[in-house]
Structure formats: structure tokens, C-alpha cells
PDB file of N, CA and C in Angstrom:
ATOM      1  N   MET A   1       0.843  -1.175   0.000  1.00  0.00           N
ATOM      2  CA  MET A   1       0.000   0.000   0.000  1.00  0.00           C
ATOM      3  C   MET A   1       0.889   1.238   0.000  1.00  0.00           C
ATOM      4  N   LYS A   2       0.642   2.129  -0.923  1.00  0.00           N
ATOM      5  CA  LYS A   2       1.421   3.357  -1.024  1.00  0.00           C
ATOM      6  C   LYS A   2       0.765   4.438  -0.167  1.00  0.00           C
ATOM      7  N   LEU A   3       1.534   5.055   0.696  1.00  0.00           N
ATOM      8  CA  LEU A   3       1.025   6.143   1.527  1.00  0.00           C
ATOM      9  C   LEU A   3       1.523   7.465   0.972  1.00  0.00           C
ATOM     10  N   GLU A   4       0.644   8.427   0.846  1.00  0.00           N
ATOM     11  CA  GLU A   4       1.032   9.749   0.384  1.00  0.00           C
ATOM     12  C   GLU A   4       1.111  10.690   1.568  1.00  0.00           C
ATOM     13  N   ASN A   5       2.014  11.590   1.478  1.00  0.00           N
ATOM     14  CA  ASN A   5       2.158  12.594   2.510  1.00  0.00           C
ATOM     15  C   ASN A   5       1.125  13.692   2.253  1.00  0.00           C
ATOM     16  N   LEU A   6       0.115  13.806   3.106  1.00  0.00           N
ATOM     17  CA  LEU A   6      -0.944  14.798   2.881  1.00  0.00           C
ATOM     18  C   LEU A   6      -0.414  16.219   3.007  1.00  0.00           C
ATOM     19  N   ASP A   7       0.661  16.425   3.774  1.00  0.00           N
ATOM     20  CA  ASP A   7       1.266  17.759   3.840  1.00  0.00           C
ATOM     21  C   ASP A   7       1.797  18.168   2.473  1.00  0.00           C
ATOM     22  N   GLU A   8       2.344  17.198   1.720  1.00  0.00           N
ATOM     23  CA  GLU A   8       2.825  17.467   0.376  1.00  0.00           C
ATOM     24  C   GLU A   8       1.667  17.889  -0.512  1.00  0.00           C
ATOM     25  N   LYS A   9       0.540  17.192  -0.421  1.00  0.00           N
ATOM     26  CA  LYS A   9      -0.641  17.530  -1.208  1.00  0.00           C
ATOM     27  C   LYS A   9      -1.104  18.942  -0.884  1.00  0.00           C
ATOM     28  N   LEU A  10      -1.156  19.282   0.399  1.00  0.00           N
ATOM     29  CA  LEU A  10      -1.616  20.603   0.796  1.00  0.00           C
ATOM     30  C   LEU A  10      -0.675  21.679   0.275  1.00  0.00           C
ATOM     31  N   ALA A  11       0.612  21.382   0.220  1.00  0.00           N
ATOM     32  CA  ALA A  11       1.582  22.342  -0.289  1.00  0.00           C
ATOM     33  C   ALA A  11       1.354  22.606  -1.773  1.00  0.00           C
ATOM     34  N   ARG A  12       0.819  21.632  -2.491  1.00  0.00           N
ATOM     35  CA  ARG A  12       0.544  21.803  -3.921  1.00  0.00           C
ATOM     36  C   ARG A  12      -0.823  22.434  -4.160  1.00  0.00           C
ATOM     37  N   GLY A  13      -1.538  22.795  -3.099  1.00  0.00           N
ATOM     38  CA  GLY A  13      -2.815  23.478  -3.245  1.00  0.00           C
ATOM     39  C   GLY A  13      -4.034  22.608  -3.040  1.00  0.00           C
ATOM     40  N   ALA A  14      -3.870  21.304  -2.823  1.00  0.00           N
ATOM     41  CA  ALA A  14      -5.013  20.437  -2.562  1.00  0.00           C
ATOM     42  C   ALA A  14      -5.476  20.658  -1.125  1.00  0.00           C
ATOM     43  N   GLU A  15      -6.754  20.418  -0.888  1.00  0.00           N
ATOM     44  CA  GLU A  15      -7.322  20.657   0.434  1.00  0.00           C
ATOM     45  C   GLU A  15      -8.139  19.448   0.877  1.00  0.00           C
ATOM     46  N   VAL A  16      -7.824  18.909   2.050  1.00  0.00           N
ATOM     47  CA  VAL A  16      -8.604  17.802   2.600  1.00  0.00           C
ATOM     48  C   VAL A  16      -9.876  18.398   3.190  1.00  0.00           C
ATOM     49  N   ILE A  17     -11.015  17.998   2.654  1.00  0.00           N
ATOM     50  CA  ILE A  17     -12.311  18.536   3.075  1.00  0.00           C
ATOM     51  C   ILE A  17     -12.902  17.728   4.224  1.00  0.00           C
ATOM     52  N   ALA A  18     -12.824  16.396   4.127  1.00  0.00           N
ATOM     53  CA  ALA A  18     -13.403  15.536   5.164  1.00  0.00           C
ATOM     54  C   ALA A  18     -12.683  14.195   5.157  1.00  0.00           C
ATOM     55  N   ARG A  19     -12.749  13.502   6.288  1.00  0.00           N
ATOM     56  CA  ARG A  19     -12.182  12.160   6.417  1.00  0.00           C
ATOM     57  C   ARG A  19     -13.287  11.202   6.837  1.00  0.00           C
ATOM     58  N   PHE A  20     -13.212  10.001   6.275  1.00  0.00           N
ATOM     59  CA  PHE A  20     -14.166   8.935   6.579  1.00  0.00           C
ATOM     60  C   PHE A  20     -13.337   7.698   6.868  1.00  0.00           C
ATOM     61  N   GLY A  21     -13.049   7.459   8.146  1.00  0.00           N
ATOM     62  CA  GLY A  21     -12.116   6.392   8.489  1.00  0.00           C
ATOM     63  C   GLY A  21     -10.749   6.761   7.950  1.00  0.00           C
ATOM     64  N   LYS A  22     -10.208   5.923   7.078  1.00  0.00           N
ATOM     65  CA  LYS A  22      -8.910   6.219   6.470  1.00  0.00           C
ATOM     66  C   LYS A  22      -9.041   6.828   5.080  1.00  0.00           C
ATOM     67  N   ALA A  23     -10.258   7.058   4.614  1.00  0.00           N
ATOM     68  CA  ALA A  23     -10.484   7.699   3.317  1.00  0.00           C
ATOM     69  C   ALA A  23     -10.511   9.209   3.509  1.00  0.00           C
ATOM     70  N   ALA A  24     -10.028   9.937   2.500  1.00  0.00           N
ATOM     71  CA  ALA A  24     -10.008  11.398   2.564  1.00  0.00           C
ATOM     72  C   ALA A  24     -10.651  11.975   1.309  1.00  0.00           C
ATOM     73  N   LEU A  25     -11.558  12.929   1.484  1.00  0.00           N
ATOM     74  CA  LEU A  25     -12.160  13.662   0.379  1.00  0.00           C
ATOM     75  C   LEU A  25     -11.302  14.893   0.153  1.00  0.00           C
ATOM     76  N   ILE A  26     -10.698  14.983  -1.038  1.00  0.00           N
ATOM     77  CA  ILE A  26      -9.719  16.023  -1.333  1.00  0.00           C
ATOM     78  C   ILE A  26     -10.202  16.878  -2.486  1.00  0.00           C
ATOM     79  N   LYS A  27     -10.140  18.199  -2.309  1.00  0.00           N
ATOM     80  CA  LYS A  27     -10.462  19.133  -3.390  1.00  0.00           C
ATOM     81  C   LYS A  27      -9.146  19.563  -4.032  1.00  0.00           C
ATOM     82  N   GLN A  28      -9.023  19.320  -5.328  1.00  0.00           N
ATOM     83  CA  GLN A  28      -7.819  19.667  -6.069  1.00  0.00           C
ATOM     84  C   GLN A  28      -7.853  21.148  -6.464  1.00  0.00           C
ATOM     85  N   PRO A  29      -6.693  21.748  -6.724  1.00  0.00           N
ATOM     86  CA  PRO A  29      -6.642  23.167  -7.098  1.00  0.00           C
ATOM     87  C   PRO A  29      -7.433  23.492  -8.371  1.00  0.00           C
ATOM     88  N   ASN A  30      -7.610  22.505  -9.257  1.00  0.00           N
ATOM     89  CA  ASN A  30      -8.348  22.747 -10.501  1.00  0.00           C
ATOM     90  C   ASN A  30      -9.861  22.620 -10.312  1.00  0.00           C
ATOM     91  N   GLY A  31     -10.305  22.371  -9.064  1.00  0.00           N
ATOM     92  CA  GLY A  31     -11.734  22.287  -8.769  1.00  0.00           C
ATOM     93  C   GLY A  31     -12.292  20.877  -8.774  1.00  0.00           C
ATOM     94  N   SER A  32     -11.495  19.893  -9.147  1.00  0.00           N
ATOM     95  CA  SER A  32     -11.975  18.517  -9.143  1.00  0.00           C
ATOM     96  C   SER A  32     -11.907  17.945  -7.723  1.00  0.00           C
ATOM     97  N   TRP A  33     -12.605  16.843  -7.500  1.00  0.00           N
ATOM     98  CA  TRP A  33     -12.675  16.193  -6.190  1.00  0.00           C
ATOM     99  C   TRP A  33     -12.130  14.793  -6.308  1.00  0.00           C
ATOM    100  N   GLN A  34     -11.456  14.325  -5.273  1.00  0.00           N
ATOM    101  CA  GLN A  34     -10.900  12.987  -5.279  1.00  0.00           C
ATOM    102  C   GLN A  34     -11.116  12.351  -3.915  1.00  0.00           C
ATOM    103  N   LEU A  35     -11.495  11.089  -3.935  1.00  0.00           N
ATOM    104  CA  LEU A  35     -11.660  10.308  -2.714  1.00  0.00           C
ATOM    105  C   LEU A  35     -10.533   9.293  -2.690  1.00  0.00           C
ATOM    106  N   LYS A  36      -9.641   9.408  -1.711  1.00  0.00           N
ATOM    107  CA  LYS A  36      -8.440   8.582  -1.686  1.00  0.00           C
ATOM    108  C   LYS A  36      -8.363   7.753  -0.410  1.00  0.00           C
ATOM    109  N   GLY A  37      -7.876   6.518  -0.584  1.00  0.00           N
ATOM    110  CA  GLY A  37      -7.574   5.648   0.535  1.00  0.00           C
ATOM    111  C   GLY A  37      -8.796   5.038   1.192  1.00  0.00           C
ATOM    112  N   GLY A  38      -8.550   4.371   2.288  1.00  0.00           N
ATOM    113  CA  GLY A  38      -9.619   3.780   3.082  1.00  0.00           C
ATOM    114  C   GLY A  38     -10.104   2.447   2.542  1.00  0.00           C
ATOM    115  N   SER A  39     -10.934   1.817   3.334  1.00  0.00           N
ATOM    116  CA  SER A  39     -11.524   0.535   2.947  1.00  0.00           C
ATOM    117  C   SER A  39     -12.772   0.787   2.100  1.00  0.00           C
ATOM    118  N   GLU A  40     -13.334  -0.276   1.586  1.00  0.00           N
ATOM    119  CA  GLU A  40     -14.571  -0.149   0.804  1.00  0.00           C
ATOM    120  C   GLU A  40     -15.675   0.447   1.679  1.00  0.00           C
ATOM    121  N   GLU A  41     -15.707   0.076   2.946  1.00  0.00           N
ATOM    122  CA  GLU A  41     -16.701   0.613   3.876  1.00  0.00           C
ATOM    123  C   GLU A  41     -16.497   2.117   4.092  1.00  0.00           C
ATOM    124  N   ASP A  42     -15.235   2.550   4.202  1.00  0.00           N
ATOM    125  CA  ASP A  42     -14.931   3.981   4.351  1.00  0.00           C
ATOM    126  C   ASP A  42     -15.403   4.762   3.124  1.00  0.00           C
ATOM    127  N   ARG A  43     -15.109   4.211   1.933  1.00  0.00           N
ATOM    128  CA  ARG A  43     -15.517   4.889   0.699  1.00  0.00           C
ATOM    129  C   ARG A  43     -17.031   4.908   0.539  1.00  0.00           C
ATOM    130  N   LEU A  44     -17.703   3.846   0.986  1.00  0.00           N
ATOM    131  CA  LEU A  44     -19.162   3.803   0.935  1.00  0.00           C
ATOM    132  C   LEU A  44     -19.754   4.886   1.841  1.00  0.00           C
ATOM    133  N   SER A  45     -19.201   5.046   3.033  1.00  0.00           N
ATOM    134  CA  SER A  45     -19.653   6.105   3.950  1.00  0.00           C
ATOM    135  C   SER A  45     -19.437   7.475   3.326  1.00  0.00           C
ATOM    136  N   ALA A  46     -18.296   7.654   2.679  1.00  0.00           N
ATOM    137  CA  ALA A  46     -17.998   8.934   2.037  1.00  0.00           C
ATOM    138  C   ALA A  46     -18.981   9.218   0.914  1.00  0.00           C
ATOM    139  N   ARG A  47     -19.250   8.222   0.067  1.00  0.00           N
ATOM    140  CA  ARG A  47     -20.188   8.435  -1.047  1.00  0.00           C
ATOM    141  C   ARG A  47     -21.585   8.752  -0.531  1.00  0.00           C
ATOM    142  N   GLU A  48     -21.986   8.114   0.558  1.00  0.00           N
ATOM    143  CA  GLU A  48     -23.295   8.396   1.157  1.00  0.00           C
ATOM    144  C   GLU A  48     -23.344   9.840   1.666  1.00  0.00           C
ATOM    145  N   TRP A  49     -22.300  10.274   2.368  1.00  0.00           N
ATOM    146  CA  TRP A  49     -22.235  11.656   2.883  1.00  0.00           C
ATOM    147  C   TRP A  49     -22.264  12.654   1.730  1.00  0.00           C
ATOM    148  N   ILE A  50     -21.506  12.360   0.676  1.00  0.00           N
ATOM    149  CA  ILE A  50     -21.454  13.250  -0.492  1.00  0.00           C
ATOM    150  C   ILE A  50     -22.832  13.357  -1.127  1.00  0.00           C
ATOM    151  N   SER A  51     -23.548  12.237  -1.250  1.00  0.00           N
ATOM    152  CA  SER A  51     -24.875  12.266  -1.877  1.00  0.00           C
ATOM    153  C   SER A  51     -25.871  13.089  -1.062  1.00  0.00           C
ATOM    154  N   LEU A  52     -25.687  13.138   0.260  1.00  0.00           N
ATOM    155  CA  LEU A  52     -26.602  13.894   1.113  1.00  0.00           C
ATOM    156  C   LEU A  52     -26.217  15.364   1.266  1.00  0.00           C
ATOM    157  N   PHE A  53     -24.927  15.641   1.403  1.00  0.00           N
ATOM    158  CA  PHE A  53     -24.503  16.985   1.782  1.00  0.00           C
ATOM    159  C   PHE A  53     -23.672  17.731   0.752  1.00  0.00           C
ATOM    160  N   HIS A  54     -23.158  17.027  -0.240  1.00  0.00           N
ATOM    161  CA  HIS A  54     -22.303  17.697  -1.227  1.00  0.00           C
ATOM    162  C   HIS A  54     -22.562  17.103  -2.607  1.00  0.00           C
ATOM    163  N   HIS A  55     -23.843  16.973  -2.958  1.00  0.00           N
ATOM    164  CA  HIS A  55     -24.248  16.255  -4.159  1.00  0.00           C
ATOM    165  C   HIS A  55     -23.773  16.885  -5.464  1.00  0.00           C
ATOM    166  N   GLU A  56     -23.354  18.157  -5.442  1.00  0.00           N
ATOM    167  CA  GLU A  56     -22.871  18.785  -6.673  1.00  0.00           C
ATOM    168  C   GLU A  56     -21.445  18.360  -7.032  1.00  0.00           C
ATOM    169  N   ALA A  57     -20.743  17.719  -6.121  1.00  0.00           N
ATOM    170  CA  ALA A  57     -19.369  17.268  -6.376  1.00  0.00           C
ATOM    171  C   ALA A  57     -19.379  15.973  -7.186  1.00  0.00           C
ATOM    172  N   VAL A  58     -18.548  15.917  -8.206  1.00  0.00           N
ATOM    173  CA  VAL A  58     -18.313  14.691  -8.956  1.00  0.00           C
ATOM    174  C   VAL A  58     -16.959  14.185  -8.486  1.00  0.00           C
ATOM    175  N   VAL A  59     -16.969  13.044  -7.817  1.00  0.00           N
ATOM    176  CA  VAL A  59     -15.777  12.540  -7.142  1.00  0.00           C
ATOM    177  C   VAL A  59     -15.153  11.394  -7.926  1.00  0.00           C
ATOM    178  N   VAL A  60     -13.825  11.443  -8.056  1.00  0.00           N
ATOM    179  CA  VAL A  60     -13.045  10.349  -8.641  1.00  0.00           C
ATOM    180  C   VAL A  60     -12.427   9.588  -7.479  1.00  0.00           C
ATOM    181  N   CYS A  61     -12.595   8.265  -7.483  1.00  0.00           N
ATOM    182  CA  CYS A  61     -12.034   7.451  -6.394  1.00  0.00           C
ATOM    183  C   CYS A  61     -10.648   6.964  -6.771  1.00  0.00           C
ATOM    184  N   GLY A  62      -9.728   7.118  -5.816  1.00  0.00           N
ATOM    185  CA  GLY A  62      -8.367   6.612  -5.971  1.00  0.00           C
ATOM    186  C   GLY A  62      -8.071   5.648  -4.844  1.00  0.00           C
ATOM    187  N   ARG A  63      -7.313   4.622  -5.108  1.00  0.00           N
ATOM    188  CA  ARG A  63      -7.039   3.601  -4.104  1.00  0.00           C
ATOM    189  C   ARG A  63      -5.824   3.920  -3.253  1.00  0.00           C
ATOM    190  N   ASN A  64      -4.985   4.874  -3.605  1.00  0.00           N
ATOM    191  CA  ASN A  64      -3.713   5.125  -2.905  1.00  0.00           C
ATOM    192  C   ASN A  64      -3.926   5.507  -1.496  1.00  0.00           C
TER     193      ASN A  64
END
């Protein structure tokens, strides 16, 4: 499993919006959204939260 340094991401302008277990919802500087890491259950919780509270976001899931 590859771990990314979230401080490095933040330095490049990405912003961690929310965490769901070990999954992180990240807003990229170009306006796109990415869901990274976590188990399938973590990602399922994140997708449920997004559908209820942030439904305008189109999220790309990454496994890293």
C-alpha cells in the first residue's frame, strides 16, 4: 500500500475537506474532487455523505 504525505498535497494546493475512516475527500486546485484511501466501507460512507450533503461534487475514487 502506497502512503502519500498529505502535507505534500496541501503544499501543492489540494485541500482535505473531510475524512471517513482512512479515506479522505480532497479538493484539487483545478476544482476537481478525489476520494483517496480507506476501505470499501470507508468509501461507501464517504459516497453516502457526499450524496446527502455535497451532491454537486463529482468525485473520482483513488485507491492510494
